[in-house]
Amino acid sequence: MTDPGLIHGRYELLEQVGRGGMGRVWRARDRTLDRRVAVKCFRPDGGPGEDPGAPHPLRERFRREARLAAGLQHHNITVVHDFGEHDGLLYLVMEFLDGRNLGELLTDRAGAPLPHGEVADIARQVAAALDHTRCRGIVHRDLKPTNIVRLTDGTVKVCDFGIARPARDIDPGARLTVTGMAMGTPHYMSPEQISGGTVDPRSDLYSLGCVLYELATGSPPFAYDDPWAVLVGHRDAVPEPPHRLRPDLPLGLERLILDLLAKVPDHRPLDTVDRATRLIGRAAPSRPPVRRLIRHPGAGSPRGEATTPSGGARLHPTASSRRPDHSGPPGPRPGPSGRYPVPGPSDFGDPAPAVRPEPVGPPTPAPLPRRPLPSPSRRSGGFPGREST
């Protein structure tokens, strides 16, 4: 079967729009409700989806994605409408997302980072989705740019819960590979996923930090070609501070990213939505405010004006109009990670200061000791996560 065509006489497959390790995604039409949908088909091109006796773990993974995603009702999570099996083909019916995933956005920008305000807005919306999954004990385990879609109206959706699981069901001894399936993507995996520690919703916060780091700087925290070096970097090293790659990065945004990248799960902030919300308005560039002046006859030029040759006043924004006077930043207090003080009002919108705190820990590794890591899967032909699901 190369084109399922019509599923159960209801879902008409129109155009293939994506393909990954778990099958194909089609733009389709729901004939019953007359609406556009996306249909994810499990390997219609000679894969295990055509065989009713396909390997049990793979089929269960697909069904688990359907059940978990269908139970997550949130504005920032893709809506699942239906799932089932048709002529040996597993299918998942979802809302059609009219937009582009973050990986495509980065490609469109040729590796250039996103504007500060956009990074903060994406952080807020993805963190809201993760708050929802955390309250239900669900761990996504594969959060990455290609699994986050920004719609044309600016709404951000988290999708592809193919390897998500309830935290209580995750076996500490089987983190990296299970029957050849990707259990995360190296550039976005948390240290505990790599080392076999306890994986819970805080692991997704680390992955979000990796995504935001890439959106803010144009490259992931450990941009090595060797997947093994990437894994060791996440497990053992502190990433290069983002402002070294992007000097104009607001301090508050950098602090949020580095706090999310804390090696210890307890140090990752659970108030990411609130912190990102505070960043949005301040990170976006804005015009200096225009001051209205009431001139009195015979009055001299007020401070902040320059006199033109004709004797009129030409307004120039003063320092006080460019930046509000905060009368000094508040005293430092321990932040959620214990590494930085809580950012003051000016930390969110102002460019990086000349001196800012550096993360505490070892430098980015070069000759790190090669501690044992789980072996690459023989069935997948390499390290886990090389295929996008």
Protein backbone atom coordinates (compact mmCIF):
# COMPACT_ATOMS: atom_id res chain seq x y z
CA MET A 1 0.00 0.00 0.00
CA THR A 2 1.66 3.26 -1.14
CA ASP A 3 -1.34 5.55 -0.69
CA PRO A 4 -4.06 4.63 1.80
CA GLY A 5 -6.38 7.05 -0.03
CA LEU A 6 -9.44 6.81 2.19
CA ILE A 7 -9.54 5.54 5.76
CA HIS A 8 -12.80 4.03 6.98
CA GLY A 9 -14.64 5.96 4.29
CA ARG A 10 -14.14 9.13 6.35
CA TYR A 11 -10.58 10.49 6.23
CA GLU A 12 -9.49 11.41 2.71
CA LEU A 13 -5.70 11.66 2.44
CA LEU A 14 -4.81 14.57 0.15
CA GLU A 15 -1.11 15.35 0.41
CA GLN A 16 1.89 14.03 2.32
CA VAL A 17 3.32 16.86 4.43
CA GLY A 18 5.83 15.04 6.63
CA ARG A 19 7.73 11.86 7.23
CA GLY A 20 9.72 10.55 10.19
CA GLY A 21 10.82 7.47 12.03
CA MET A 22 7.24 6.56 12.97
CA GLY A 23 5.52 6.99 9.60
CA ARG A 24 4.03 9.67 7.39
CA VAL A 25 1.84 12.68 8.07
CA TRP A 26 -0.85 13.65 5.58
CA ARG A 27 -2.99 16.70 5.05
CA ALA A 28 -6.47 15.23 4.91
CA ARG A 29 -10.17 16.02 4.98
CA ASP A 30 -12.67 14.66 7.44
CA ARG A 31 -15.67 13.98 5.19
CA THR A 32 -18.05 13.51 8.09
CA LEU A 33 -17.37 16.88 9.73
CA ASP A 34 -16.08 18.62 6.58
CA ARG A 35 -12.89 19.96 8.11
CA ARG A 36 -9.16 19.85 7.48
CA VAL A 37 -7.19 17.43 9.62
CA ALA A 38 -3.74 15.90 9.77
CA VAL A 39 -3.48 12.11 9.69
CA LYS A 40 -0.37 10.34 10.92
CA CYS A 41 -0.04 6.89 9.34
CA PHE A 42 2.25 4.27 10.78
CA ARG A 43 4.67 3.23 8.04
CA PRO A 44 2.41 2.76 5.02
CA ASP A 45 5.44 2.23 2.73
CA GLY A 46 6.46 -1.29 3.61
CA GLY A 47 6.95 -0.64 7.31
CA PRO A 48 5.38 -2.53 10.18
CA GLY A 49 2.12 -0.60 9.75
CA GLU A 50 1.07 -2.91 6.92
CA ASP A 51 1.46 -6.06 8.97
CA PRO A 52 -1.12 -6.79 11.69
CA GLY A 53 1.57 -8.87 13.38
CA ALA A 54 4.05 -5.99 13.55
CA PRO A 55 6.45 -5.90 16.52
CA HIS A 56 4.39 -5.35 19.63
CA PRO A 57 6.49 -2.54 21.22
CA LEU A 58 6.26 -0.37 18.09
CA ARG A 59 2.52 -0.79 17.76
CA GLU A 60 2.04 -0.08 21.45
CA ARG A 61 4.15 3.05 21.15
CA PHE A 62 1.81 4.40 18.49
CA ARG A 63 -1.30 3.56 20.51
CA ARG A 64 0.26 5.08 23.63
CA GLU A 65 0.89 8.35 21.79
CA ALA A 66 -2.74 8.45 20.75
CA ARG A 67 -4.11 7.81 24.23
CA LEU A 68 -1.75 10.21 25.99
CA ALA A 69 -2.18 13.03 23.48
CA ALA A 70 -5.96 12.63 23.41
CA GLY A 71 -6.04 13.14 27.17
CA LEU A 72 -4.10 16.42 27.01
CA GLN A 73 -6.51 19.28 26.41
CA HIS A 74 -4.54 22.52 26.28
CA HIS A 75 -4.32 25.53 23.99
CA ASN A 76 -0.60 24.88 23.36
CA ILE A 77 -0.83 21.13 22.68
CA THR A 78 -1.94 19.59 19.40
CA VAL A 79 -5.51 18.30 19.59
CA VAL A 80 -6.06 14.60 18.81
CA HIS A 81 -9.46 13.80 17.30
CA ASP A 82 -9.34 10.06 16.59
CA PHE A 83 -7.11 7.03 16.17
CA GLY A 84 -7.51 3.45 15.06
CA GLU A 85 -6.42 0.76 12.62
CA HIS A 86 -7.45 0.28 9.01
CA ASP A 87 -6.29 -2.69 6.89
CA GLY A 88 -3.28 -3.19 9.17
CA LEU A 89 -2.46 0.53 9.06
CA LEU A 90 -2.35 2.45 12.34
CA TYR A 91 -3.53 6.05 12.05
CA LEU A 92 -3.83 9.10 14.28
CA VAL A 93 -6.12 12.01 13.38
CA MET A 94 -5.10 15.44 14.69
CA GLU A 95 -5.94 19.08 14.15
CA PHE A 96 -4.21 20.48 11.08
CA LEU A 97 -1.53 22.97 12.10
CA ASP A 98 -1.25 25.89 9.69
CA GLY A 99 2.28 26.99 10.44
CA ARG A 100 5.91 25.91 10.57
CA ASN A 101 7.91 24.04 13.15
CA LEU A 102 10.77 25.81 14.89
CA GLY A 103 13.36 23.75 13.03
CA GLU A 104 11.98 25.10 9.75
CA LEU A 105 11.97 28.64 11.14
CA LEU A 106 15.66 28.33 12.04
CA THR A 107 16.43 26.94 8.59
CA ASP A 108 14.55 29.82 6.96
CA ARG A 109 16.72 32.24 8.93
CA ALA A 110 19.93 30.47 7.84
CA GLY A 111 20.94 29.91 11.46
CA ALA A 112 20.28 33.49 12.58
CA PRO A 113 18.69 33.71 16.04
CA LEU A 114 15.12 34.86 16.59
CA PRO A 115 14.28 38.29 18.03
CA HIS A 116 14.32 38.43 21.83
CA GLY A 117 10.58 38.97 22.14
CA GLU A 118 9.79 35.96 19.95
CA VAL A 119 12.08 33.72 22.00
CA ALA A 120 10.38 34.86 25.21
CA ASP A 121 6.91 34.33 23.74
CA ILE A 122 7.77 30.82 22.55
CA ALA A 123 9.22 30.09 25.99
CA ARG A 124 6.00 31.19 27.67
CA GLN A 125 3.72 29.11 25.45
CA VAL A 126 5.81 25.93 25.50
CA ALA A 127 6.26 26.24 29.27
CA ALA A 128 2.47 26.53 29.63
CA ALA A 129 2.07 23.28 27.70
CA LEU A 130 4.69 21.60 29.90
CA ASP A 131 2.92 22.83 33.03
CA HIS A 132 -0.18 21.04 31.76
CA THR A 133 1.68 17.78 31.08
CA ARG A 134 3.52 18.02 34.42
CA CYS A 135 0.26 18.31 36.34
CA ARG A 136 -0.78 15.04 34.70
CA GLY A 137 2.54 13.31 35.33
CA ILE A 138 3.40 13.08 31.62
CA VAL A 139 6.95 13.38 30.30
CA HIS A 140 7.32 14.24 26.60
CA ARG A 141 10.97 13.04 26.46
CA ASP A 142 11.63 14.32 22.94
CA LEU A 143 11.00 18.06 23.01
CA LYS A 144 12.94 19.67 20.16
CA PRO A 145 12.43 22.37 17.50
CA THR A 146 10.78 20.04 15.00
CA ASN A 147 8.20 19.00 17.61
CA ILE A 148 7.13 22.59 18.29
CA VAL A 149 4.98 24.38 15.71
CA ARG A 150 4.26 28.10 15.53
CA LEU A 151 0.99 28.82 13.75
CA THR A 152 0.40 31.77 11.45
CA ASP A 153 -1.48 33.57 14.24
CA GLY A 154 1.48 33.22 16.63
CA THR A 155 0.08 30.35 18.69
CA VAL A 156 2.71 27.75 19.59
CA LYS A 157 1.80 24.05 19.75
CA VAL A 158 3.76 21.14 21.22
CA CYS A 159 3.22 17.97 19.19
CA ASP A 160 4.46 14.41 18.66
CA PHE A 161 4.06 12.55 21.93
CA GLY A 162 5.40 9.37 20.34
CA ILE A 163 7.77 8.49 23.19
CA ALA A 164 5.92 10.32 25.96
CA ARG A 165 5.01 8.29 29.03
CA PRO A 166 3.62 8.72 32.50
CA ALA A 167 6.63 9.38 34.73
CA ARG A 168 5.74 6.42 36.96
CA ASP A 169 6.06 4.03 33.99
CA ILE A 170 9.57 5.05 32.91
CA ASP A 171 12.10 2.32 33.64
CA PRO A 172 15.41 3.81 34.87
CA GLY A 173 17.28 0.94 33.22
CA ALA A 174 15.94 1.58 29.73
CA ARG A 175 16.37 5.28 29.07
CA LEU A 176 18.23 5.53 25.81
CA THR A 177 16.98 2.76 23.53
CA VAL A 178 14.14 0.29 23.59
CA THR A 179 13.96 -2.15 20.66
CA GLY A 180 15.72 0.36 18.44
CA MET A 181 13.35 3.26 19.08
CA ALA A 182 14.68 6.76 19.61
CA MET A 183 14.26 7.75 23.25
CA GLY A 184 15.28 11.35 22.76
CA THR A 185 17.41 13.45 20.43
CA PRO A 186 21.02 14.00 21.59
CA HIS A 187 21.10 17.79 21.17
CA TYR A 188 18.04 18.17 23.44
CA MET A 189 18.37 15.33 25.96
CA SER A 190 18.59 15.97 29.68
CA PRO A 191 21.52 14.67 31.75
CA GLU A 192 19.26 12.23 33.59
CA GLN A 193 17.99 10.77 30.30
CA ILE A 194 21.57 10.12 29.30
CA SER A 195 22.94 8.79 32.57
CA GLY A 196 19.98 6.67 33.66
CA GLY A 197 18.73 8.91 36.44
CA THR A 198 15.12 9.61 37.34
CA VAL A 199 13.27 11.05 34.34
CA ASP A 200 10.29 13.19 35.25
CA PRO A 201 8.62 16.35 33.85
CA ARG A 202 11.66 18.42 34.84
CA SER A 203 13.56 16.64 32.06
CA ASP A 204 11.31 18.41 29.57
CA LEU A 205 12.30 21.74 31.14
CA TYR A 206 15.94 20.98 30.33
CA SER A 207 14.99 20.19 26.74
CA LEU A 208 13.09 23.48 26.59
CA GLY A 209 16.27 25.23 27.74
CA CYS A 210 18.16 23.60 24.86
CA VAL A 211 15.52 24.76 22.38
CA LEU A 212 15.54 28.33 23.73
CA TYR A 213 19.35 28.39 23.67
CA GLU A 214 19.25 27.52 19.98
CA LEU A 215 16.51 30.04 19.20
CA ALA A 216 18.41 32.78 21.03
CA THR A 217 21.90 32.06 19.65
CA GLY A 218 21.39 30.11 16.42
CA SER A 219 23.02 26.90 17.66
CA PRO A 220 22.26 24.28 20.35
CA PRO A 221 24.21 24.28 23.64
CA PHE A 222 26.67 21.57 22.57
CA ALA A 223 26.97 21.90 18.80
CA TYR A 224 29.27 18.95 18.15
CA ASP A 225 29.11 16.66 15.12
CA ASP A 226 29.81 13.57 17.22
CA PRO A 227 26.61 12.44 19.01
CA TRP A 228 28.67 10.88 21.78
CA ALA A 229 30.39 14.22 22.49
CA VAL A 230 26.97 15.90 22.57
CA LEU A 231 25.73 13.42 25.16
CA VAL A 232 28.83 13.85 27.32
CA GLY A 233 28.47 17.62 27.08
CA HIS A 234 24.90 17.52 28.36
CA ARG A 235 25.85 15.17 31.15
CA ASP A 236 29.12 16.69 32.37
CA ALA A 237 29.67 20.23 31.07
CA VAL A 238 28.28 23.73 31.43
CA PRO A 239 27.31 25.30 28.08
CA GLU A 240 28.95 28.47 26.85
CA PRO A 241 27.01 31.47 28.19
CA PRO A 242 24.59 32.58 25.45
CA HIS A 243 25.71 36.23 25.56
CA ARG A 244 29.12 35.18 24.22
CA LEU A 245 27.37 34.10 21.03
CA ARG A 246 24.87 36.97 21.10
CA PRO A 247 26.15 39.97 23.07
CA ASP A 248 22.85 41.87 22.92
CA LEU A 249 20.92 39.08 24.66
CA PRO A 250 18.93 40.47 27.62
CA LEU A 251 20.28 39.29 30.94
CA GLY A 252 16.88 38.08 32.14
CA LEU A 253 16.45 35.86 29.08
CA GLU A 254 19.93 34.41 29.49
CA ARG A 255 19.27 33.67 33.15
CA LEU A 256 16.07 31.85 32.31
CA ILE A 257 17.80 29.71 29.66
CA LEU A 258 20.72 28.80 31.93
CA ASP A 259 18.41 28.02 34.85
CA LEU A 260 16.48 25.61 32.62
CA LEU A 261 19.81 24.00 31.69
CA ALA A 262 20.72 23.26 35.31
CA LYS A 263 22.23 19.79 35.64
CA VAL A 264 20.30 19.13 38.85
CA PRO A 265 16.56 18.76 38.12
CA ASP A 266 15.63 20.44 41.42
CA HIS A 267 17.36 23.63 40.23
CA ARG A 268 15.23 24.02 37.11
CA PRO A 269 12.55 26.70 37.53
CA LEU A 270 8.92 25.66 37.70
CA ASP A 271 7.85 29.31 37.30
CA THR A 272 9.04 29.51 33.69
CA VAL A 273 5.67 30.76 32.44
CA ASP A 274 5.71 33.74 34.81
CA ARG A 275 9.33 34.59 34.09
CA ALA A 276 8.85 34.37 30.33
CA THR A 277 5.69 36.50 30.54
CA ARG A 278 7.68 39.23 32.28
CA LEU A 279 10.30 39.01 29.56
CA ILE A 280 7.97 39.39 26.58
CA GLY A 281 7.13 43.08 26.83
CA ARG A 282 10.64 44.12 27.85
CA ALA A 283 12.57 42.00 25.38
CA ALA A 284 10.76 43.40 22.34
CA PRO A 285 12.33 46.58 20.91
CA SER A 286 10.17 49.65 21.09
CA ARG A 287 10.34 53.27 20.05
CA PRO A 288 11.36 55.81 22.68
CA PRO A 289 8.30 57.55 24.11
CA VAL A 290 7.35 60.89 22.55
CA ARG A 291 7.09 63.72 25.05
CA ARG A 292 4.52 66.46 24.60
CA LEU A 293 5.75 69.89 25.65
CA ILE A 294 3.64 72.96 26.41
CA ARG A 295 5.59 76.00 25.36
CA HIS A 296 5.02 79.39 26.98
CA PRO A 297 5.91 82.62 25.22
CA GLY A 298 9.44 83.66 26.05
CA ALA A 299 10.30 80.36 27.67
CA GLY A 300 13.70 78.94 26.91
CA SER A 301 14.29 75.54 25.45
CA PRO A 302 13.52 72.92 28.07
CA ARG A 303 16.09 70.29 28.94
CA GLY A 304 16.18 67.58 26.35
CA GLU A 305 15.55 69.98 23.40
CA ALA A 306 17.99 71.38 20.90
CA THR A 307 17.35 74.76 19.28
CA THR A 308 17.17 74.83 15.50
CA PRO A 309 18.60 77.74 13.45
CA SER A 310 15.05 79.05 13.03
CA GLY A 311 14.64 79.24 16.78
CA GLY A 312 12.23 76.30 17.03
CA ALA A 313 12.68 73.33 19.32
CA ARG A 314 13.77 69.92 18.09
CA LEU A 315 13.04 67.07 20.50
CA HIS A 316 15.67 64.51 21.36
CA PRO A 317 14.97 61.60 23.68
CA THR A 318 16.99 61.96 26.83
CA ALA A 319 18.47 59.13 28.84
CA SER A 320 15.42 59.15 31.07
CA SER A 321 13.09 58.70 28.08
CA ARG A 322 15.12 55.87 26.61
CA ARG A 323 15.23 53.85 29.78
CA PRO A 324 13.08 54.21 32.90
CA ASP A 325 14.83 55.25 36.09
CA HIS A 326 14.70 52.28 38.43
CA SER A 327 16.79 54.07 41.08
CA GLY A 328 19.15 51.14 41.13
CA PRO A 329 18.44 47.43 40.84
CA PRO A 330 17.04 45.57 43.83
CA GLY A 331 19.41 43.67 46.05
CA PRO A 332 20.32 40.15 44.90
CA ARG A 333 18.20 37.29 46.17
CA PRO A 334 18.61 33.55 45.54
CA GLY A 335 16.95 32.50 42.29
CA PRO A 336 15.14 29.21 41.60
CA SER A 337 18.39 27.49 40.66
CA GLY A 338 20.40 29.00 43.49
CA ARG A 339 22.98 30.26 40.96
CA TYR A 340 21.71 33.71 40.06
CA PRO A 341 19.83 36.49 41.81
CA VAL A 342 16.26 37.11 40.74
CA PRO A 343 16.47 39.57 37.80
CA GLY A 344 15.67 43.19 38.48
CA PRO A 345 13.35 45.26 36.28
CA SER A 346 16.11 46.39 33.91
CA ASP A 347 17.48 42.88 33.38
CA PHE A 348 14.79 41.95 30.85
CA GLY A 349 14.97 44.64 28.22
CA ASP A 350 18.51 46.02 28.38
CA PRO A 351 21.41 44.58 26.40
CA ALA A 352 23.97 42.47 28.18
CA PRO A 353 26.01 44.44 30.72
CA ALA A 354 29.78 44.60 30.50
CA VAL A 355 30.11 42.12 33.36
CA ARG A 356 27.53 39.47 34.10
CA PRO A 357 27.66 36.38 36.30
CA GLU A 358 29.02 33.24 34.71
CA PRO A 359 27.49 29.81 35.36
CA VAL A 360 29.27 27.80 38.01
CA GLY A 361 30.77 24.54 36.83
CA PRO A 362 33.43 23.01 34.60
CA PRO A 363 34.13 24.65 31.22
CA THR A 364 32.82 23.20 27.99
CA PRO A 365 34.66 19.89 27.71
CA ALA A 366 37.37 18.99 25.30
CA PRO A 367 39.25 16.06 26.85
CA LEU A 368 36.50 14.75 29.14
CA PRO A 369 36.98 11.18 30.38
CA ARG A 370 34.98 8.71 28.34
CA ARG A 371 32.68 7.37 31.01
CA PRO A 372 30.49 4.44 30.02
CA LEU A 373 27.32 5.36 28.17
CA PRO A 374 24.61 3.07 26.80
CA SER A 375 25.61 1.58 23.47
CA PRO A 376 24.01 2.80 20.23
CA SER A 377 21.12 0.67 19.08
CA ARG A 378 22.06 -1.94 16.50
CA ARG A 379 18.60 -1.86 14.96
CA SER A 380 18.56 1.91 14.56
CA GLY A 381 22.02 1.88 12.97
CA GLY A 382 23.42 4.64 15.18
CA PHE A 383 22.76 6.84 18.14
CA PRO A 384 19.19 7.33 19.24
CA GLY A 385 17.34 10.34 17.99
CA ARG A 386 18.98 10.60 14.57
CA GLU A 387 15.57 10.28 12.95
CA SER A 388 12.84 12.79 13.56
CA THR A 389 9.62 11.15 14.72
